[in-house]
C-alpha atoms as a PDB file:
ATOM      1  CA  UNK A   1      47.904 133.354  52.252  1.00  0.00           C
ATOM      2  CA  UNK A   2      46.829 130.156  54.041  1.00  0.00           C
ATOM      3  CA  UNK A   3      43.776 130.089  56.230  1.00  0.00           C
ATOM      4  CA  UNK A   4      42.851 127.513  58.821  1.00  0.00           C
ATOM      5  CA  UNK A   5      39.319 126.208  58.940  1.00  0.00           C
ATOM      6  CA  UNK A   6      38.192 124.823  62.283  1.00  0.00           C
ATOM      7  CA  UNK A   7      35.841 121.874  61.974  1.00  0.00           C
ATOM      8  CA  UNK A   8      33.833 120.648  64.944  1.00  0.00           C
ATOM      9  CA  UNK A   9      34.939 117.210  66.170  1.00  0.00           C
ATOM     10  CA  UNK A  10      31.439 115.797  65.690  1.00  0.00           C
ATOM     11  CA  UNK A  11      31.417 116.855  62.047  1.00  0.00           C
ATOM     12  CA  UNK A  12      34.907 115.422  61.516  1.00  0.00           C
ATOM     13  CA  UNK A  13      33.781 112.085  63.022  1.00  0.00           C
ATOM     14  CA  UNK A  14      30.786 111.989  60.668  1.00  0.00           C
ATOM     15  CA  UNK A  15      33.034 112.731  57.712  1.00  0.00           C
ATOM     16  CA  UNK A  16      35.432 109.956  58.784  1.00  0.00           C
ATOM     17  CA  UNK A  17      32.577 107.452  59.129  1.00  0.00           C
ATOM     18  CA  UNK A  18      31.288 108.441  55.682  1.00  0.00           C
ATOM     19  CA  UNK A  19      34.757 107.965  54.173  1.00  0.00           C
ATOM     20  CA  UNK A  20      35.051 104.489  55.697  1.00  0.00           C
ATOM     21  CA  UNK A  21      31.569 103.596  54.456  1.00  0.00           C
ATOM     22  CA  UNK A  22      32.412 104.844  50.955  1.00  0.00           C
ATOM     23  CA  UNK A  23      35.618 102.765  50.897  1.00  0.00           C
ATOM     24  CA  UNK A  24      33.599  99.668  51.827  1.00  0.00           C
ATOM     25  CA  UNK A  25      31.004 100.507  49.167  1.00  0.00           C
ATOM     26  CA  UNK A  26      33.703 101.027  46.544  1.00  0.00           C
ATOM     27  CA  UNK A  27      35.286  97.627  47.302  1.00  0.00           C
ATOM     28  CA  UNK A  28      31.925  95.851  47.198  1.00  0.00           C
ATOM     29  CA  UNK A  29      30.897  97.615  43.990  1.00  0.00           C
ATOM     30  CA  UNK A  30      34.165  96.640  42.305  1.00  0.00           C
ATOM     31  CA  UNK A  31      33.663  93.008  43.345  1.00  0.00           C
ATOM     32  CA  UNK A  32      30.114  93.086  41.992  1.00  0.00           C
ATOM     33  CA  UNK A  33      31.136  94.590  38.653  1.00  0.00           C
ATOM     34  CA  UNK A  34      33.941  92.052  38.211  1.00  0.00           C
ATOM     35  CA  UNK A  35      31.608  89.188  39.132  1.00  0.00           C
ATOM     36  CA  UNK A  36      29.382  90.199  36.220  1.00  0.00           C
ATOM     37  CA  UNK A  37      32.207  89.937  33.676  1.00  0.00           C
ATOM     38  CA  UNK A  38      32.426  86.527  31.959  1.00  0.00           C
ATOM     39  CA  UNK A  39      35.916  87.391  30.684  1.00  0.00           C
ATOM     40  CA  UNK A  40      37.166  88.166  34.178  1.00  0.00           C
ATOM     41  CA  UNK A  41      35.596  85.027  35.649  1.00  0.00           C
ATOM     42  CA  UNK A  42      37.216  82.862  32.963  1.00  0.00           C
ATOM     43  CA  UNK A  43      40.583  84.528  33.531  1.00  0.00           C
ATOM     44  CA  UNK A  44      40.318  83.817  37.276  1.00  0.00           C
ATOM     45  CA  UNK A  45      39.360  80.173  36.593  1.00  0.00           C
ATOM     46  CA  UNK A  46      42.420  79.731  34.358  1.00  0.00           C
ATOM     47  CA  UNK A  47      44.660  81.394  36.940  1.00  0.00           C
ATOM     48  CA  UNK A  48      43.325  79.138  39.713  1.00  0.00           C
ATOM     49  CA  UNK A  49      43.791  76.036  37.553  1.00  0.00           C
ATOM     50  CA  UNK A  50      47.367  77.068  36.750  1.00  0.00           C
ATOM     51  CA  UNK A  51      48.102  77.771  40.398  1.00  0.00           C
ATOM     52  CA  UNK A  52      46.684  74.439  41.581  1.00  0.00           C
ATOM     53  CA  UNK A  53      48.687  72.582  38.943  1.00  0.00           C
ATOM     54  CA  UNK A  54      51.904  74.270  40.090  1.00  0.00           C
ATOM     55  CA  UNK A  55      52.319  76.662  37.166  1.00  0.00           C
ATOM     56  CA  UNK A  56      53.736  79.494  39.248  1.00  0.00           C
ATOM     57  CA  UNK A  57      56.849  81.646  39.247  1.00  0.00           C
ATOM     58  CA  UNK A  58      58.734  83.639  41.794  1.00  0.00           C
ATOM     59  CA  UNK A  59      58.063  87.274  42.600  1.00  0.00           C
ATOM     60  CA  UNK A  60      61.653  87.998  41.636  1.00  0.00           C
ATOM     61  CA  UNK A  61      61.025  86.556  38.168  1.00  0.00           C
ATOM     62  CA  UNK A  62      57.869  88.615  37.705  1.00  0.00           C
ATOM     63  CA  UNK A  63      59.592  91.829  38.835  1.00  0.00           C
ATOM     64  CA  UNK A  64      62.432  91.173  36.399  1.00  0.00           C
ATOM     65  CA  UNK A  65      59.982  90.619  33.544  1.00  0.00           C
ATOM     66  CA  UNK A  66      58.155  93.861  34.398  1.00  0.00           C
ATOM     67  CA  UNK A  67      61.442  95.744  34.832  1.00  0.00           C
ATOM     68  CA  UNK A  68      60.574  96.855  38.357  1.00  0.00           C
ATOM     69  CA  UNK A  69      63.456  95.260  40.210  1.00  0.00           C
END
């Protein structure tokens, strides 16, 4: 048997604001954690160097390699 719970609009708005704030926190925390990883930073440097030197491939090629096409 399903029951409906009525939540006051003010409480729902607070919950929504908290959810948005948590999403922002989560994104910022992830960025911080990754910025503390020497392995990740080196991987990003190599990727940027490859990209700037033209070592890229098409999305179609990547999808085919990953068998998601």
